[in-house]
Amino acid sequence: MFPRHPIFLAGAIVPVLSAVLVRSIFGTVNPHPVVCVNWDDAEAYVQWLSRKTGKHYRLLSEAEWEYAARAGTSTAWYWGDSEADQWHYANGADLSANAHGISTAGVNCDDKYPHTSPVGSFQPNKVGLYDMAGDVAEWVEDCYHDTSRDAPTNGRAVESCIPKFHNARVMRGGEWNAIPAWLRSASRDVEVPSTLGDTFGFRVARTD
């Protein structure tokens, strides 16, 4: 795995792991990110990892995820406001995806990866975290709410799921077939916890 990077939030240090390196479904091997995992799988993994190591591993809260992704920036993407720079920093929809019939939208450049890319293939953000945009969308701990009104002010996850949204959970970061708008640091996705997808992955934090 890539090194852990301390993220300061609400007076605590949250070591964020840059990636989980496991299997892929695209005929690739390590160090591609895991895909085809639902929220329940991600939760089961961090619980197993905590038991295995004696350390407290967990999914990031949505607030922690965005704090880590932005790395002190306020621009649309953590690399700036130009989508044309995407290919330096993120694996998203581009000419490679177009050529393979995956996406007809995206940026007019070619990162050479029509599907997932090896972790760390692109430039990291300003705190050294890789792939905070693109490659795979990342499950976070939070239940989905359509406003931030109920979000805790201490950076913790929203834990009250809403039946009218099918108890959905939040995903962040976008994925390898995402248009630039979906790779923005503020972009959110929402999925039912049991849903699997070939663009679904996760990132973990360790609370010491």
Protein backbone atom coordinates (compact mmCIF):
# COMPACT_ATOMS: atom_id res chain seq x y z
CA MET A 1 0.00 0.00 0.00
CA PHE A 2 1.03 3.60 -0.41
CA PRO A 3 2.06 5.45 2.79
CA ARG A 4 -0.52 6.79 5.19
CA HIS A 5 -1.02 10.54 5.27
CA PRO A 6 -2.25 12.29 8.46
CA ILE A 7 -5.40 14.35 7.89
CA PHE A 8 -6.23 16.89 10.61
CA LEU A 9 -9.93 17.17 11.31
CA ALA A 10 -11.86 18.22 14.41
CA GLY A 11 -8.68 18.17 16.50
CA ALA A 12 -7.82 14.57 15.60
CA ILE A 13 -5.28 12.98 13.31
CA VAL A 14 -6.87 10.51 10.92
CA PRO A 15 -4.33 8.42 8.99
CA VAL A 16 -5.88 7.87 5.57
CA LEU A 17 -4.70 4.92 3.54
CA SER A 18 -4.07 5.87 -0.06
CA ALA A 19 -5.61 2.73 -1.48
CA VAL A 20 -6.73 -0.82 -0.93
CA LEU A 21 -4.83 -3.09 -3.28
CA VAL A 22 -6.77 -6.19 -4.17
CA ARG A 23 -8.25 -7.94 -7.17
CA SER A 24 -9.87 -6.44 -10.25
CA ILE A 25 -12.36 -7.85 -12.75
CA PHE A 26 -10.68 -6.41 -15.82
CA GLY A 27 -8.02 -9.07 -16.25
CA THR A 28 -5.62 -7.01 -14.18
CA VAL A 29 -3.78 -7.81 -10.97
CA ASN A 30 -2.31 -5.79 -8.14
CA PRO A 31 -1.91 -2.91 -7.78
CA HIS A 32 -5.27 -2.12 -9.33
CA PRO A 33 -8.04 -1.09 -6.92
CA VAL A 34 -10.77 -3.44 -5.84
CA VAL A 35 -14.08 -3.15 -7.69
CA CYS A 36 -17.49 -4.85 -7.50
CA VAL A 37 -17.86 -4.27 -3.78
CA ASN A 38 -20.96 -2.91 -2.13
CA TRP A 39 -21.11 -0.87 1.08
CA ASP A 40 -21.76 -3.99 3.14
CA ASP A 41 -18.61 -5.62 1.70
CA ALA A 42 -16.55 -2.53 2.54
CA GLU A 43 -17.88 -2.51 6.10
CA ALA A 44 -17.15 -6.22 6.49
CA TYR A 45 -13.61 -5.66 5.25
CA VAL A 46 -12.75 -2.89 7.71
CA GLN A 47 -14.20 -4.92 10.57
CA TRP A 48 -12.10 -7.94 9.50
CA LEU A 49 -8.99 -5.77 9.11
CA SER A 50 -9.52 -4.30 12.57
CA ARG A 51 -9.77 -7.76 14.12
CA LYS A 52 -6.78 -9.00 12.14
CA THR A 53 -4.46 -6.13 13.07
CA GLY A 54 -5.76 -5.03 16.45
CA LYS A 55 -6.06 -1.49 15.03
CA HIS A 56 -9.26 0.46 14.38
CA TYR A 57 -9.87 0.63 10.64
CA ARG A 58 -13.02 2.15 9.18
CA LEU A 59 -14.50 3.91 6.18
CA LEU A 60 -14.01 7.66 6.04
CA SER A 61 -16.86 9.98 6.82
CA GLU A 62 -17.98 12.12 3.90
CA ALA A 63 -16.56 15.21 5.60
CA GLU A 64 -13.20 13.51 6.13
CA TRP A 65 -13.16 12.33 2.54
CA GLU A 66 -13.72 15.81 1.11
CA TYR A 67 -11.22 17.37 3.51
CA ALA A 68 -8.62 14.82 2.41
CA ALA A 69 -9.46 15.17 -1.29
CA ARG A 70 -9.41 18.97 -1.36
CA ALA A 71 -6.09 19.13 0.50
CA GLY A 72 -6.63 22.79 1.31
CA THR A 73 -7.96 23.79 -2.11
CA SER A 74 -11.25 25.48 -2.95
CA THR A 75 -11.15 24.86 -6.71
CA ALA A 76 -13.50 22.60 -8.66
CA TRP A 77 -10.91 19.82 -8.74
CA TYR A 78 -8.01 19.45 -6.34
CA TRP A 79 -5.62 20.25 -9.18
CA GLY A 80 -7.38 23.50 -10.10
CA ASP A 81 -10.27 24.72 -12.22
CA SER A 82 -9.21 23.31 -15.60
CA GLU A 83 -10.74 20.00 -16.65
CA ALA A 84 -8.08 19.80 -19.37
CA ASP A 85 -5.53 18.93 -16.66
CA GLN A 86 -7.49 15.83 -15.63
CA TRP A 87 -5.19 13.37 -17.37
CA HIS A 88 -2.31 14.39 -15.07
CA TYR A 89 -4.29 13.68 -11.90
CA ALA A 90 -7.22 11.34 -12.47
CA ASN A 91 -8.40 8.33 -14.45
CA GLY A 92 -11.74 9.44 -15.89
CA ALA A 93 -13.60 9.45 -19.19
CA ASP A 94 -11.33 10.52 -22.05
CA LEU A 95 -10.18 9.37 -25.48
CA SER A 96 -9.27 5.90 -24.16
CA ALA A 97 -12.81 5.45 -22.88
CA ASN A 98 -14.21 6.76 -26.17
CA ALA A 99 -12.08 4.37 -28.21
CA HIS A 100 -13.37 1.39 -26.24
CA GLY A 101 -17.00 2.49 -26.47
CA ILE A 102 -17.20 3.13 -22.73
CA SER A 103 -18.03 6.81 -22.82
CA THR A 104 -18.76 9.30 -25.56
CA ALA A 105 -18.07 12.24 -23.25
CA GLY A 106 -15.04 13.33 -21.29
CA VAL A 107 -11.90 15.34 -21.83
CA ASN A 108 -10.01 15.56 -25.12
CA CYS A 109 -6.90 13.78 -23.89
CA ASP A 110 -5.76 10.20 -23.40
CA ASP A 111 -4.57 8.75 -20.10
CA LYS A 112 -4.14 5.29 -21.74
CA TYR A 113 -6.48 3.56 -19.26
CA PRO A 114 -9.95 2.65 -20.58
CA HIS A 115 -10.81 0.90 -17.30
CA THR A 116 -9.08 0.98 -13.92
CA SER A 117 -5.48 2.12 -13.65
CA PRO A 118 -2.78 0.93 -11.24
CA VAL A 119 -2.98 2.81 -7.97
CA GLY A 120 -0.67 5.82 -7.95
CA SER A 121 -0.45 6.15 -11.75
CA PHE A 122 -1.39 9.83 -11.59
CA GLN A 123 -0.08 12.80 -9.66
CA PRO A 124 -1.27 13.00 -6.03
CA ASN A 125 -3.03 15.93 -4.44
CA LYS A 126 -1.20 18.47 -2.29
CA VAL A 127 -1.04 16.22 0.77
CA GLY A 128 0.25 13.25 -1.21
CA LEU A 129 -2.97 11.27 -1.58
CA TYR A 130 -3.40 9.40 -4.86
CA ASP A 131 -6.57 8.77 -6.87
CA MET A 132 -8.91 10.93 -4.82
CA ALA A 133 -10.64 11.61 -8.13
CA GLY A 134 -11.39 8.92 -10.69
CA ASP A 135 -10.31 5.28 -11.00
CA VAL A 136 -13.03 3.94 -8.67
CA ALA A 137 -15.81 5.64 -6.74
CA GLU A 138 -15.27 5.27 -3.01
CA TRP A 139 -17.87 4.27 -0.47
CA VAL A 140 -17.91 6.41 2.67
CA GLU A 141 -19.62 5.73 5.97
CA ASP A 142 -22.42 8.27 5.62
CA CYS A 143 -26.09 7.69 5.02
CA TYR A 144 -27.37 9.84 2.18
CA HIS A 145 -29.28 13.03 2.98
CA ASP A 146 -30.20 15.45 0.23
CA THR A 147 -29.04 18.46 2.26
CA SER A 148 -26.18 19.11 4.69
CA ARG A 149 -28.56 20.43 7.31
CA ASP A 150 -28.33 17.27 9.43
CA ALA A 151 -24.57 16.76 9.01
CA PRO A 152 -22.54 16.68 12.25
CA THR A 153 -20.29 19.70 12.76
CA ASN A 154 -17.40 17.59 14.07
CA GLY A 155 -16.63 15.76 10.81
CA ARG A 156 -18.30 12.50 11.80
CA ALA A 157 -20.51 10.47 9.52
CA VAL A 158 -24.25 10.96 9.11
CA GLU A 159 -25.56 7.73 10.62
CA SER A 160 -29.32 8.15 10.31
CA CYS A 161 -30.35 6.55 7.03
CA ILE A 162 -33.60 7.59 5.37
CA PRO A 163 -36.11 4.93 4.21
CA LYS A 164 -37.46 7.11 1.38
CA PHE A 165 -33.94 7.02 -0.09
CA HIS A 166 -33.81 3.22 0.45
CA ASN A 167 -31.29 3.70 3.27
CA ALA A 168 -28.75 4.73 0.65
CA ARG A 169 -25.10 5.48 1.39
CA VAL A 170 -22.78 8.05 -0.16
CA MET A 171 -19.95 7.49 -2.65
CA ARG A 172 -17.30 10.05 -3.51
CA GLY A 173 -14.54 10.63 -6.04
CA GLY A 174 -16.02 9.50 -9.35
CA GLU A 175 -14.65 6.64 -11.43
CA TRP A 176 -12.82 5.58 -14.59
CA ASN A 177 -15.84 6.25 -16.85
CA ALA A 178 -16.90 9.53 -15.19
CA ILE A 179 -17.12 12.84 -17.00
CA PRO A 180 -15.08 15.69 -15.47
CA ALA A 181 -18.05 17.16 -13.58
CA TRP A 182 -18.38 13.92 -11.63
CA LEU A 183 -14.73 14.07 -10.59
CA ARG A 184 -15.10 17.43 -8.84
CA SER A 185 -14.14 17.47 -5.18
CA ALA A 186 -17.73 18.42 -4.26
CA SER A 187 -19.43 15.80 -6.43
CA ARG A 188 -21.53 13.17 -4.65
CA ASP A 189 -23.04 9.88 -5.68
CA VAL A 190 -25.60 7.79 -3.85
CA GLU A 191 -26.26 4.05 -3.96
CA VAL A 192 -28.21 1.44 -2.04
CA PRO A 193 -25.76 -0.37 0.31
CA SER A 194 -26.28 -3.76 -1.33
CA THR A 195 -25.56 -2.46 -4.86
CA LEU A 196 -22.51 -3.80 -6.71
CA GLY A 197 -20.80 -2.07 -9.60
CA ASP A 198 -17.62 -2.41 -11.64
CA THR A 199 -16.80 1.19 -10.68
CA PHE A 200 -17.40 0.77 -6.93
CA GLY A 201 -14.46 0.64 -4.53
CA PHE A 202 -13.50 2.11 -1.17
CA ARG A 203 -10.75 3.75 0.87
CA VAL A 204 -10.06 3.21 4.55
CA ALA A 205 -8.86 5.25 7.50
CA ARG A 206 -7.18 4.11 10.69
CA THR A 207 -7.97 5.79 13.97
CA ASP A 208 -5.09 5.32 16.40
